[in-house]
């Protein structure tokens, strides 16, 4: 199993354009979620609908943040992983 994970990490590290796209799209979705939270709190009257919109914004922000984090880690740490990986296939 360790060899499969190592192989997947090596493949993912050699795709910087896809990793950057994941980072940018994740950041965009994160800020869309944050904007939903802010606008819901500012523009809507306190109600169940407002709370549901804030919860939706929170879910969107968490998903976007996770995607941006994965993209960032893939751009930085996985590249270092391949530089320091001495094992050749």
C-alpha atoms as a PDB file:
ATOM      1  CA  UNK A   1       0.000   0.000   0.000  1.00  0.00           C
ATOM      2  CA  UNK A   2       2.861   2.362   0.766  1.00  0.00           C
ATOM      3  CA  UNK A   3       4.219   1.954  -2.754  1.00  0.00           C
ATOM      4  CA  UNK A   4       0.845   2.903  -4.239  1.00  0.00           C
ATOM      5  CA  UNK A   5       0.639   6.053  -2.133  1.00  0.00           C
ATOM      6  CA  UNK A   6       4.215   6.984  -2.989  1.00  0.00           C
ATOM      7  CA  UNK A   7       3.502   6.481  -6.700  1.00  0.00           C
ATOM      8  CA  UNK A   8       0.333   8.621  -6.483  1.00  0.00           C
ATOM      9  CA  UNK A   9       2.225  11.387  -4.651  1.00  0.00           C
ATOM     10  CA  UNK A  10       4.966  11.337  -7.280  1.00  0.00           C
ATOM     11  CA  UNK A  11       2.404  11.618 -10.068  1.00  0.00           C
ATOM     12  CA  UNK A  12       0.548  14.437  -8.305  1.00  0.00           C
ATOM     13  CA  UNK A  13       3.802  16.351  -7.725  1.00  0.00           C
ATOM     14  CA  UNK A  14       4.522  16.307 -11.457  1.00  0.00           C
ATOM     15  CA  UNK A  15       1.271  18.130 -12.274  1.00  0.00           C
ATOM     16  CA  UNK A  16       1.948  21.718 -11.158  1.00  0.00           C
ATOM     17  CA  UNK A  17      -0.686  23.252 -13.445  1.00  0.00           C
ATOM     18  CA  UNK A  18      -3.458  21.076 -12.040  1.00  0.00           C
ATOM     19  CA  UNK A  19      -2.225  21.722  -8.494  1.00  0.00           C
ATOM     20  CA  UNK A  20      -2.242  25.482  -9.103  1.00  0.00           C
ATOM     21  CA  UNK A  21      -5.722  25.261 -10.632  1.00  0.00           C
ATOM     22  CA  UNK A  22      -6.920  23.358  -7.541  1.00  0.00           C
ATOM     23  CA  UNK A  23      -5.404  26.043  -5.299  1.00  0.00           C
ATOM     24  CA  UNK A  24      -6.969  28.949  -7.224  1.00  0.00           C
ATOM     25  CA  UNK A  25     -10.394  27.347  -7.541  1.00  0.00           C
ATOM     26  CA  UNK A  26     -10.363  26.382  -3.866  1.00  0.00           C
ATOM     27  CA  UNK A  27      -9.474  29.935  -2.859  1.00  0.00           C
ATOM     28  CA  UNK A  28     -12.257  31.303  -5.081  1.00  0.00           C
ATOM     29  CA  UNK A  29     -14.823  28.931  -3.557  1.00  0.00           C
ATOM     30  CA  UNK A  30     -13.567  29.765  -0.054  1.00  0.00           C
ATOM     31  CA  UNK A  31     -14.027  33.494  -0.573  1.00  0.00           C
ATOM     32  CA  UNK A  32     -17.417  32.893  -2.178  1.00  0.00           C
ATOM     33  CA  UNK A  33     -18.459  31.096   1.014  1.00  0.00           C
ATOM     34  CA  UNK A  34     -17.097  33.887   3.202  1.00  0.00           C
ATOM     35  CA  UNK A  35     -18.946  36.472   1.089  1.00  0.00           C
ATOM     36  CA  UNK A  36     -22.142  34.472   1.499  1.00  0.00           C
ATOM     37  CA  UNK A  37     -21.706  34.513   5.269  1.00  0.00           C
ATOM     38  CA  UNK A  38     -20.991  38.243   5.401  1.00  0.00           C
ATOM     39  CA  UNK A  39     -23.790  39.230   3.048  1.00  0.00           C
ATOM     40  CA  UNK A  40     -26.289  36.994   4.822  1.00  0.00           C
ATOM     41  CA  UNK A  41     -25.472  38.615   8.147  1.00  0.00           C
ATOM     42  CA  UNK A  42     -25.598  42.162   6.736  1.00  0.00           C
ATOM     43  CA  UNK A  43     -28.516  41.976   4.294  1.00  0.00           C
ATOM     44  CA  UNK A  44     -30.983  39.504   5.793  1.00  0.00           C
ATOM     45  CA  UNK A  45     -33.144  39.892   8.837  1.00  0.00           C
ATOM     46  CA  UNK A  46     -32.470  37.412  11.643  1.00  0.00           C
ATOM     47  CA  UNK A  47     -34.455  34.311  10.756  1.00  0.00           C
ATOM     48  CA  UNK A  48     -34.153  30.634  10.012  1.00  0.00           C
ATOM     49  CA  UNK A  49     -33.496  31.461   6.349  1.00  0.00           C
ATOM     50  CA  UNK A  50     -30.561  33.695   7.333  1.00  0.00           C
ATOM     51  CA  UNK A  51     -29.087  30.983   9.533  1.00  0.00           C
ATOM     52  CA  UNK A  52     -29.425  28.424   6.746  1.00  0.00           C
ATOM     53  CA  UNK A  53     -27.686  30.768   4.314  1.00  0.00           C
ATOM     54  CA  UNK A  54     -24.858  31.304   6.805  1.00  0.00           C
ATOM     55  CA  UNK A  55     -24.560  27.540   7.266  1.00  0.00           C
ATOM     56  CA  UNK A  56     -24.460  27.060   3.480  1.00  0.00           C
ATOM     57  CA  UNK A  57     -21.739  29.718   3.271  1.00  0.00           C
ATOM     58  CA  UNK A  58     -19.797  27.959   6.007  1.00  0.00           C
ATOM     59  CA  UNK A  59     -19.974  24.612   4.209  1.00  0.00           C
ATOM     60  CA  UNK A  60     -18.880  26.234   0.938  1.00  0.00           C
ATOM     61  CA  UNK A  61     -16.002  28.015   2.702  1.00  0.00           C
ATOM     62  CA  UNK A  62     -14.821  24.790   4.366  1.00  0.00           C
ATOM     63  CA  UNK A  63     -14.879  22.858   1.082  1.00  0.00           C
ATOM     64  CA  UNK A  64     -13.047  25.670  -0.709  1.00  0.00           C
ATOM     65  CA  UNK A  65     -10.516  25.998   2.083  1.00  0.00           C
ATOM     66  CA  UNK A  66      -9.811  22.277   2.006  1.00  0.00           C
ATOM     67  CA  UNK A  67      -9.340  22.316  -1.769  1.00  0.00           C
ATOM     68  CA  UNK A  68      -7.054  25.361  -1.588  1.00  0.00           C
ATOM     69  CA  UNK A  69      -5.023  23.721   1.169  1.00  0.00           C
ATOM     70  CA  UNK A  70      -4.625  20.532  -0.848  1.00  0.00           C
ATOM     71  CA  UNK A  71      -3.565  22.533  -3.888  1.00  0.00           C
ATOM     72  CA  UNK A  72      -1.049  24.540  -1.891  1.00  0.00           C
ATOM     73  CA  UNK A  73       0.415  21.471  -0.227  1.00  0.00           C
ATOM     74  CA  UNK A  74       0.675  19.747  -3.578  1.00  0.00           C
ATOM     75  CA  UNK A  75       2.498  22.742  -5.023  1.00  0.00           C
ATOM     76  CA  UNK A  76       5.005  23.040  -2.204  1.00  0.00           C
ATOM     77  CA  UNK A  77       5.451  19.883  -0.160  1.00  0.00           C
ATOM     78  CA  UNK A  78       4.989  17.343  -2.925  1.00  0.00           C
ATOM     79  CA  UNK A  79       7.596  19.133  -5.026  1.00  0.00           C
ATOM     80  CA  UNK A  80      10.018  18.896  -2.114  1.00  0.00           C
ATOM     81  CA  UNK A  81       9.057  15.242  -1.707  1.00  0.00           C
ATOM     82  CA  UNK A  82      10.177  14.496  -5.263  1.00  0.00           C
ATOM     83  CA  UNK A  83      13.396  16.484  -4.852  1.00  0.00           C
ATOM     84  CA  UNK A  84      14.439  14.560  -1.763  1.00  0.00           C
ATOM     85  CA  UNK A  85      13.132  11.187  -2.859  1.00  0.00           C
ATOM     86  CA  UNK A  86      16.198   9.115  -3.703  1.00  0.00           C
ATOM     87  CA  UNK A  87      14.410   5.959  -4.766  1.00  0.00           C
ATOM     88  CA  UNK A  88      14.203   5.494  -8.551  1.00  0.00           C
ATOM     89  CA  UNK A  89      11.624   3.239 -10.179  1.00  0.00           C
END
